[in-house]
C-alpha atoms as a PDB file:
ATOM      1  CA  MET A   1       0.000   0.000   0.000  1.00  0.00           C
ATOM      2  CA  LYS A   2       1.249   3.479  -0.838  1.00  0.00           C
ATOM      3  CA  GLN A   3       2.202   5.629   2.143  1.00  0.00           C
ATOM      4  CA  LEU A   4      -0.455   8.313   1.560  1.00  0.00           C
ATOM      5  CA  GLU A   5      -3.270   6.182   0.165  1.00  0.00           C
ATOM      6  CA  ASN A   6      -6.678   7.823   0.761  1.00  0.00           C
ATOM      7  CA  LYS A   7      -5.066  11.025   2.045  1.00  0.00           C
ATOM      8  CA  VAL A   8      -5.674  14.573   0.816  1.00  0.00           C
ATOM      9  CA  ALA A   9      -2.826  17.085   0.871  1.00  0.00           C
ATOM     10  CA  ILE A  10      -2.411  20.801   0.235  1.00  0.00           C
ATOM     11  CA  VAL A  11       0.918  22.063  -1.074  1.00  0.00           C
ATOM     12  CA  THR A  12       1.358  25.841  -1.229  1.00  0.00           C
ATOM     13  CA  GLY A  13       4.024  27.209  -3.501  1.00  0.00           C
ATOM     14  CA  GLY A  14       3.428  23.996  -5.410  1.00  0.00           C
ATOM     15  CA  GLY A  15       4.133  25.374  -8.851  1.00  0.00           C
ATOM     16  CA  SER A  16       7.913  25.002  -8.775  1.00  0.00           C
ATOM     17  CA  GLY A  17      10.955  23.913  -6.808  1.00  0.00           C
ATOM     18  CA  ILE A  18      10.467  22.120  -3.504  1.00  0.00           C
ATOM     19  CA  GLY A  19       6.691  22.540  -3.647  1.00  0.00           C
ATOM     20  CA  ALA A  20       6.391  20.922  -7.068  1.00  0.00           C
ATOM     21  CA  ALA A  21       8.728  18.075  -6.109  1.00  0.00           C
ATOM     22  CA  THR A  22       6.700  17.446  -2.947  1.00  0.00           C
ATOM     23  CA  ALA A  23       3.359  17.566  -4.763  1.00  0.00           C
ATOM     24  CA  ARG A  24       4.598  14.985  -7.267  1.00  0.00           C
ATOM     25  CA  LEU A  25       5.960  12.742  -4.499  1.00  0.00           C
ATOM     26  CA  PHE A  26       2.756  12.994  -2.436  1.00  0.00           C
ATOM     27  CA  ALA A  27       0.740  11.994  -5.496  1.00  0.00           C
ATOM     28  CA  ALA A  28       3.094   9.124  -6.314  1.00  0.00           C
ATOM     29  CA  GLU A  29       2.496   7.862  -2.769  1.00  0.00           C
ATOM     30  CA  GLY A  30      -1.267   7.866  -3.296  1.00  0.00           C
ATOM     31  CA  ALA A  31      -2.433  11.267  -2.031  1.00  0.00           C
ATOM     32  CA  LYS A  32      -4.937  13.471  -3.778  1.00  0.00           C
ATOM     33  CA  VAL A  33      -3.034  16.752  -3.998  1.00  0.00           C
ATOM     34  CA  ILE A  34      -4.225  20.334  -4.100  1.00  0.00           C
ATOM     35  CA  VAL A  35      -1.432  22.173  -5.897  1.00  0.00           C
ATOM     36  CA  SER A  36      -1.584  25.843  -4.982  1.00  0.00           C
ATOM     37  CA  ASP A  37       0.573  28.717  -6.184  1.00  0.00           C
ATOM     38  CA  ILE A  38       0.207  32.398  -7.000  1.00  0.00           C
ATOM     39  CA  HIS A  39       1.090  31.470 -10.591  1.00  0.00           C
ATOM     40  CA  GLU A  40      -1.863  29.525 -11.999  1.00  0.00           C
ATOM     41  CA  ASP A  41      -0.019  28.280 -15.087  1.00  0.00           C
ATOM     42  CA  ALA A  42       2.650  26.736 -12.863  1.00  0.00           C
ATOM     43  CA  CYS A  43      -0.037  24.955 -10.798  1.00  0.00           C
ATOM     44  CA  LEU A  44      -1.663  23.562 -13.900  1.00  0.00           C
ATOM     45  CA  LYS A  45       1.659  22.302 -15.244  1.00  0.00           C
ATOM     46  CA  VAL A  46       2.365  20.341 -12.048  1.00  0.00           C
ATOM     47  CA  VAL A  47      -1.184  18.977 -11.992  1.00  0.00           C
ATOM     48  CA  GLN A  48      -0.709  17.800 -15.568  1.00  0.00           C
ATOM     49  CA  GLN A  49       2.554  16.072 -14.622  1.00  0.00           C
ATOM     50  CA  ILE A  50       0.817  14.312 -11.749  1.00  0.00           C
ATOM     51  CA  THR A  51      -2.207  13.180 -13.736  1.00  0.00           C
ATOM     52  CA  GLU A  52      -0.058  11.976 -16.636  1.00  0.00           C
ATOM     53  CA  ALA A  53       1.836   9.838 -14.118  1.00  0.00           C
ATOM     54  CA  GLY A  54      -1.447   8.317 -12.920  1.00  0.00           C
ATOM     55  CA  GLY A  55      -2.012  10.443  -9.825  1.00  0.00           C
ATOM     56  CA  GLN A  56      -4.803  12.774  -8.733  1.00  0.00           C
ATOM     57  CA  ALA A  57      -4.375  16.511  -8.341  1.00  0.00           C
ATOM     58  CA  TYR A  58      -6.300  19.752  -8.571  1.00  0.00           C
ATOM     59  CA  ALA A  59      -4.979  23.296  -9.071  1.00  0.00           C
ATOM     60  CA  VAL A  60      -6.036  26.234  -6.908  1.00  0.00           C
ATOM     61  CA  ARG A  61      -4.489  29.627  -7.512  1.00  0.00           C
ATOM     62  CA  ALA A  62      -3.939  31.455  -4.214  1.00  0.00           C
ATOM     63  CA  ASP A  63      -1.904  34.356  -2.888  1.00  0.00           C
ATOM     64  CA  VAL A  64      -1.223  33.071   0.622  1.00  0.00           C
ATOM     65  CA  SER A  65      -0.304  36.535   1.878  1.00  0.00           C
ATOM     66  CA  ASP A  66      -4.064  37.218   1.748  1.00  0.00           C
ATOM     67  CA  PRO A  67      -5.923  35.458   4.594  1.00  0.00           C
ATOM     68  CA  ARG A  68      -9.154  35.372   2.602  1.00  0.00           C
ATOM     69  CA  GLN A  69      -7.442  33.411  -0.144  1.00  0.00           C
ATOM     70  CA  CYS A  70      -6.026  30.967   2.413  1.00  0.00           C
ATOM     71  CA  GLU A  71      -9.543  30.394   3.702  1.00  0.00           C
ATOM     72  CA  SER A  72     -10.773  29.888   0.144  1.00  0.00           C
ATOM     73  CA  LEU A  73      -7.935  27.434  -0.547  1.00  0.00           C
ATOM     74  CA  VAL A  74      -9.031  25.172   2.297  1.00  0.00           C
ATOM     75  CA  ALA A  75     -12.679  25.534   1.291  1.00  0.00           C
ATOM     76  CA  ALA A  76     -11.794  24.529  -2.285  1.00  0.00           C
ATOM     77  CA  THR A  77      -9.921  21.495  -0.953  1.00  0.00           C
ATOM     78  CA  LEU A  78     -12.928  20.332   1.039  1.00  0.00           C
ATOM     79  CA  ALA A  79     -15.260  20.984  -1.896  1.00  0.00           C
ATOM     80  CA  GLN A  80     -13.066  18.968  -4.243  1.00  0.00           C
ATOM     81  CA  TYR A  81     -11.962  16.063  -2.053  1.00  0.00           C
ATOM     82  CA  HIS A  82     -14.160  16.348   1.108  1.00  0.00           C
ATOM     83  CA  GLN A  83     -11.313  16.092   3.623  1.00  0.00           C
ATOM     84  CA  LEU A  84      -7.869  17.346   4.541  1.00  0.00           C
ATOM     85  CA  ASP A  85      -5.107  15.186   6.039  1.00  0.00           C
ATOM     86  CA  ILE A  86      -1.807  16.907   5.204  1.00  0.00           C
ATOM     87  CA  ALA A  87      -0.684  20.483   4.603  1.00  0.00           C
ATOM     88  CA  PHE A  88       2.747  21.579   3.416  1.00  0.00           C
ATOM     89  CA  ASN A  89       2.929  25.348   3.921  1.00  0.00           C
ATOM     90  CA  ASN A  90       5.811  25.936   1.576  1.00  0.00           C
ATOM     91  CA  ALA A  91       5.142  29.175  -0.327  1.00  0.00           C
ATOM     92  CA  GLY A  92       7.821  31.807   0.088  1.00  0.00           C
ATOM     93  CA  ILE A  93      10.020  34.451  -1.487  1.00  0.00           C
ATOM     94  CA  GLY A  94      13.645  35.473  -1.084  1.00  0.00           C
ATOM     95  CA  GLY A  95      12.787  39.071  -0.373  1.00  0.00           C
ATOM     96  CA  GLU A  96      14.786  42.265  -0.508  1.00  0.00           C
ATOM     97  CA  SER A  97      18.541  42.060   0.068  1.00  0.00           C
ATOM     98  CA  ASN A  98      19.835  45.010   2.089  1.00  0.00           C
ATOM     99  CA  PRO A  99      21.328  45.776   5.497  1.00  0.00           C
ATOM    100  CA  VAL A 100      18.713  46.479   8.158  1.00  0.00           C
ATOM    101  CA  ALA A 101      18.995  50.283   8.005  1.00  0.00           C
ATOM    102  CA  ASP A 102      18.695  50.252   4.215  1.00  0.00           C
ATOM    103  CA  MET A 103      15.826  47.781   3.928  1.00  0.00           C
ATOM    104  CA  SER A 104      12.629  49.392   2.696  1.00  0.00           C
ATOM    105  CA  ILE A 105       9.514  49.216   4.824  1.00  0.00           C
ATOM    106  CA  ASP A 106       7.644  47.711   1.871  1.00  0.00           C
ATOM    107  CA  GLY A 107      10.379  45.097   1.406  1.00  0.00           C
ATOM    108  CA  TRP A 108      10.205  44.116   5.069  1.00  0.00           C
ATOM    109  CA  ASN A 109       6.409  43.904   5.064  1.00  0.00           C
ATOM    110  CA  LYS A 110       6.311  41.833   1.893  1.00  0.00           C
ATOM    111  CA  VAL A 111       8.717  39.112   3.031  1.00  0.00           C
ATOM    112  CA  ILE A 112       7.111  38.900   6.473  1.00  0.00           C
ATOM    113  CA  SER A 113       3.683  38.662   4.851  1.00  0.00           C
ATOM    114  CA  VAL A 114       4.595  35.919   2.376  1.00  0.00           C
ATOM    115  CA  ASN A 115       7.036  33.900   4.496  1.00  0.00           C
ATOM    116  CA  LEU A 116       5.560  34.176   8.003  1.00  0.00           C
ATOM    117  CA  SER A 117       2.042  35.597   8.109  1.00  0.00           C
ATOM    118  CA  SER A 118       0.961  33.215   5.348  1.00  0.00           C
ATOM    119  CA  VAL A 119       1.914  30.237   7.513  1.00  0.00           C
ATOM    120  CA  PHE A 120      -0.326  31.547  10.278  1.00  0.00           C
ATOM    121  CA  TYR A 121      -3.152  32.260   7.819  1.00  0.00           C
ATOM    122  CA  CYS A 122      -2.916  28.793   6.275  1.00  0.00           C
ATOM    123  CA  MET A 123      -2.808  27.014   9.620  1.00  0.00           C
ATOM    124  CA  LYS A 124      -5.716  29.088  10.923  1.00  0.00           C
ATOM    125  CA  TYR A 125      -7.946  27.514   8.259  1.00  0.00           C
ATOM    126  CA  GLU A 126      -6.201  24.147   7.847  1.00  0.00           C
ATOM    127  CA  ILE A 127      -6.367  23.176  11.518  1.00  0.00           C
ATOM    128  CA  PRO A 128     -10.189  23.175  11.799  1.00  0.00           C
ATOM    129  CA  ALA A 129     -10.338  20.922   8.719  1.00  0.00           C
ATOM    130  CA  LEU A 130      -7.646  18.608  10.116  1.00  0.00           C
ATOM    131  CA  LEU A 131      -9.385  18.246  13.473  1.00  0.00           C
ATOM    132  CA  ALA A 132     -11.972  15.920  11.929  1.00  0.00           C
ATOM    133  CA  ASN A 133      -9.500  13.075  11.387  1.00  0.00           C
ATOM    134  CA  GLY A 134      -6.150  14.349  12.639  1.00  0.00           C
ATOM    135  CA  GLY A 135      -3.213  14.801  10.341  1.00  0.00           C
ATOM    136  CA  SER A 136       0.073  16.538   9.682  1.00  0.00           C
ATOM    137  CA  ILE A 137       1.249  20.063   8.923  1.00  0.00           C
ATOM    138  CA  VAL A 138       4.787  20.734   7.705  1.00  0.00           C
ATOM    139  CA  ASN A 139       5.903  24.357   7.596  1.00  0.00           C
ATOM    140  CA  MET A 140       8.726  25.645   5.451  1.00  0.00           C
ATOM    141  CA  ALA A 141      11.415  27.253   7.568  1.00  0.00           C
ATOM    142  CA  SER A 142      15.083  27.414   6.542  1.00  0.00           C
ATOM    143  CA  ILE A 143      18.570  27.076   7.932  1.00  0.00           C
ATOM    144  CA  LEU A 144      18.160  30.833   8.299  1.00  0.00           C
ATOM    145  CA  GLY A 145      15.527  30.123  10.913  1.00  0.00           C
ATOM    146  CA  ALA A 146      18.418  29.124  13.186  1.00  0.00           C
ATOM    147  CA  VAL A 147      21.190  31.587  12.269  1.00  0.00           C
ATOM    148  CA  GLY A 148      21.620  35.023  10.745  1.00  0.00           C
ATOM    149  CA  PHE A 149      22.596  35.951   7.192  1.00  0.00           C
ATOM    150  CA  ALA A 150      23.810  39.429   6.281  1.00  0.00           C
ATOM    151  CA  GLY A 151      21.516  41.345   3.962  1.00  0.00           C
ATOM    152  CA  SER A 152      18.465  39.172   4.619  1.00  0.00           C
ATOM    153  CA  ALA A 153      16.971  40.516   7.844  1.00  0.00           C
ATOM    154  CA  GLY A 154      13.358  40.140   6.704  1.00  0.00           C
ATOM    155  CA  TYR A 155      13.830  36.587   5.454  1.00  0.00           C
ATOM    156  CA  VAL A 156      15.770  35.541   8.552  1.00  0.00           C
ATOM    157  CA  ALA A 157      13.208  37.089  10.913  1.00  0.00           C
ATOM    158  CA  ALA A 158      10.351  35.391   9.054  1.00  0.00           C
ATOM    159  CA  LYS A 159      11.968  31.966   9.172  1.00  0.00           C
ATOM    160  CA  HIS A 160      12.813  32.292  12.874  1.00  0.00           C
ATOM    161  CA  GLY A 161       9.149  33.181  13.328  1.00  0.00           C
ATOM    162  CA  VAL A 162       7.984  30.101  11.436  1.00  0.00           C
ATOM    163  CA  ILE A 163       9.898  27.876  13.848  1.00  0.00           C
ATOM    164  CA  GLY A 164       8.382  29.593  16.880  1.00  0.00           C
ATOM    165  CA  LEU A 165       4.917  29.426  15.377  1.00  0.00           C
ATOM    166  CA  THR A 166       5.411  25.736  14.600  1.00  0.00           C
ATOM    167  CA  GLN A 167       6.526  24.916  18.129  1.00  0.00           C
ATOM    168  CA  THR A 168       3.677  26.845  19.744  1.00  0.00           C
ATOM    169  CA  SER A 169       0.970  25.362  17.549  1.00  0.00           C
ATOM    170  CA  ALA A 170       2.404  21.861  18.067  1.00  0.00           C
ATOM    171  CA  ILE A 171       1.913  22.259  21.826  1.00  0.00           C
ATOM    172  CA  GLU A 172      -1.652  23.450  21.298  1.00  0.00           C
ATOM    173  CA  TYR A 173      -2.775  20.663  18.939  1.00  0.00           C
ATOM    174  CA  ALA A 174      -0.626  17.589  19.706  1.00  0.00           C
ATOM    175  CA  ALA A 175      -3.280  16.105  21.985  1.00  0.00           C
ATOM    176  CA  LYS A 176      -5.896  16.723  19.292  1.00  0.00           C
ATOM    177  CA  GLY A 177      -4.228  14.500  16.728  1.00  0.00           C
ATOM    178  CA  ILE A 178      -2.466  17.130  14.629  1.00  0.00           C
ATOM    179  CA  ARG A 179       1.301  16.941  14.214  1.00  0.00           C
ATOM    180  CA  ILE A 180       2.985  20.237  13.275  1.00  0.00           C
ATOM    181  CA  ASN A 181       6.659  20.341  12.307  1.00  0.00           C
ATOM    182  CA  ALA A 182       9.057  22.463  10.269  1.00  0.00           C
ATOM    183  CA  VAL A 183      11.842  21.737   7.803  1.00  0.00           C
ATOM    184  CA  GLY A 184      14.911  23.901   7.368  1.00  0.00           C
ATOM    185  CA  PRO A 185      16.563  23.478   3.989  1.00  0.00           C
ATOM    186  CA  GLY A 186      19.979  24.825   3.214  1.00  0.00           C
ATOM    187  CA  PHE A 187      20.441  26.478  -0.148  1.00  0.00           C
ATOM    188  CA  ILE A 188      18.561  24.322  -2.641  1.00  0.00           C
ATOM    189  CA  ASP A 189      19.074  24.445  -6.401  1.00  0.00           C
ATOM    190  CA  THR A 190      15.600  25.724  -7.342  1.00  0.00           C
ATOM    191  CA  PRO A 191      14.073  28.513  -9.464  1.00  0.00           C
ATOM    192  CA  LEU A 192      13.869  30.678  -6.302  1.00  0.00           C
ATOM    193  CA  LEU A 193      17.657  30.654  -6.084  1.00  0.00           C
ATOM    194  CA  SER A 194      18.013  31.285  -9.810  1.00  0.00           C
ATOM    195  CA  SER A 195      15.605  34.227  -9.654  1.00  0.00           C
ATOM    196  CA  ALA A 196      17.962  36.006  -7.239  1.00  0.00           C
ATOM    197  CA  GLY A 197      20.188  36.839 -10.216  1.00  0.00           C
ATOM    198  CA  MET A 198      23.020  34.681  -8.958  1.00  0.00           C
ATOM    199  CA  ASP A 199      26.068  34.371 -11.203  1.00  0.00           C
ATOM    200  CA  THR A 200      28.485  31.431 -11.238  1.00  0.00           C
ATOM    201  CA  GLU A 201      30.865  32.997  -8.726  1.00  0.00           C
ATOM    202  CA  MET A 202      28.073  33.729  -6.230  1.00  0.00           C
ATOM    203  CA  LYS A 203      26.744  30.197  -6.626  1.00  0.00           C
ATOM    204  CA  GLN A 204      30.190  28.755  -5.885  1.00  0.00           C
ATOM    205  CA  GLN A 205      30.388  30.907  -2.756  1.00  0.00           C
ATOM    206  CA  LEU A 206      27.070  29.450  -1.584  1.00  0.00           C
ATOM    207  CA  ILE A 207      28.213  25.924  -2.338  1.00  0.00           C
ATOM    208  CA  ALA A 208      31.320  26.550  -0.220  1.00  0.00           C
ATOM    209  CA  LEU A 209      29.090  27.202   2.813  1.00  0.00           C
ATOM    210  CA  HIS A 210      27.876  23.586   2.662  1.00  0.00           C
ATOM    211  CA  PRO A 211      30.511  21.077   3.833  1.00  0.00           C
ATOM    212  CA  VAL A 212      28.915  18.406   1.634  1.00  0.00           C
ATOM    213  CA  GLY A 213      30.262  20.397  -1.338  1.00  0.00           C
ATOM    214  CA  ARG A 214      27.058  21.028  -3.283  1.00  0.00           C
ATOM    215  CA  LEU A 215      23.632  22.600  -3.120  1.00  0.00           C
ATOM    216  CA  GLY A 216      20.636  20.548  -2.129  1.00  0.00           C
ATOM    217  CA  LYS A 217      18.016  19.091  -4.453  1.00  0.00           C
ATOM    218  CA  ALA A 218      14.289  19.746  -4.234  1.00  0.00           C
ATOM    219  CA  GLU A 219      13.603  16.011  -4.248  1.00  0.00           C
ATOM    220  CA  GLU A 220      15.747  15.562  -1.126  1.00  0.00           C
ATOM    221  CA  VAL A 221      13.628  18.053   0.800  1.00  0.00           C
ATOM    222  CA  ALA A 222      10.448  16.480  -0.577  1.00  0.00           C
ATOM    223  CA  ALA A 223      11.507  13.107   0.819  1.00  0.00           C
ATOM    224  CA  LEU A 224      11.836  14.609   4.312  1.00  0.00           C
ATOM    225  CA  VAL A 225       8.462  16.340   4.041  1.00  0.00           C
ATOM    226  CA  LEU A 226       6.889  13.050   2.959  1.00  0.00           C
ATOM    227  CA  TRP A 227       8.321  11.200   5.949  1.00  0.00           C
ATOM    228  CA  LEU A 228       7.083  13.869   8.363  1.00  0.00           C
ATOM    229  CA  SER A 229       3.638  13.575   6.772  1.00  0.00           C
ATOM    230  CA  THR A 230       3.317   9.827   7.381  1.00  0.00           C
ATOM    231  CA  GLU A 231       2.599   7.740  10.457  1.00  0.00           C
ATOM    232  CA  LYS A 232       6.273   6.764  10.490  1.00  0.00           C
ATOM    233  CA  ALA A 233       6.797  10.147  12.163  1.00  0.00           C
ATOM    234  CA  SER A 234       3.902   9.726  14.601  1.00  0.00           C
ATOM    235  CA  PHE A 235       5.926  10.804  17.661  1.00  0.00           C
ATOM    236  CA  ILE A 236       7.494  13.815  15.945  1.00  0.00           C
ATOM    237  CA  GLN A 237       5.836  16.956  17.285  1.00  0.00           C
ATOM    238  CA  GLY A 238       7.002  20.559  17.059  1.00  0.00           C
ATOM    239  CA  ALA A 239      10.363  19.598  15.585  1.00  0.00           C
ATOM    240  CA  TYR A 240      12.633  21.614  13.327  1.00  0.00           C
ATOM    241  CA  TYR A 241      14.538  19.446  10.855  1.00  0.00           C
ATOM    242  CA  PRO A 242      17.488  21.065   9.058  1.00  0.00           C
ATOM    243  CA  ILE A 243      18.347  19.463   5.732  1.00  0.00           C
ATOM    244  CA  ASP A 244      21.432  21.404   4.859  1.00  0.00           C
ATOM    245  CA  GLY A 245      24.544  19.466   3.877  1.00  0.00           C
ATOM    246  CA  ALA A 246      26.069  20.305   7.295  1.00  0.00           C
ATOM    247  CA  TYR A 247      25.680  24.087   6.794  1.00  0.00           C
ATOM    248  CA  LEU A 248      24.668  24.598  10.435  1.00  0.00           C
ATOM    249  CA  CYS A 249      27.599  22.505  11.700  1.00  0.00           C
ATOM    250  CA  ARG A 250      30.187  25.023  10.584  1.00  0.00           C
END
């Protein structure tokens, strides 16, 4: 039997990178997957990949920085598949790169909204749906949820916040059958990294920060998210799992 047979999962930021890899893996393991992204075409492409491989998926465009759209995303999930068992709150942006005193107010607000507030908004509406049968939430943090990184104050603050939010909500809902955990990828070779305008020299500098000697792969993070979403991780509550090629060991 597949690991997620008869389960329904939401993946935000599912149109590319880690989100797309996780959506495909969830579907391959038997889940019906709601693929959500702010870019509708990207959602539809991943849904097509899943259905062509024999899985089940449905696209829902949503801007998760808007709480009303997060509510609508969960409502669409229940309308389409009548239940919710797993949520991977993955959507995020890199945000503005500047020292604290030079960061724009708009830049700060945007990265906090997309990378932190959206996790709260999603959980606010996912948790009531999950209470019916129990289930799992995995939130996207980062290695930068544990350490600082010059020029990325908004991103770092948001990811630290995601870990705190994950731990607090895990305490509140563990006895109610909902497991809530966070993953902390190192620098992963995804479109988000490419969109930062990184040249070859900058990429090599990032690689050098990882003792393993390379960047991570989206599929490697997806495998961790899958495990946390199954009953194999039934005693894992409020945890933060770095997956970082030893970045945090330096």
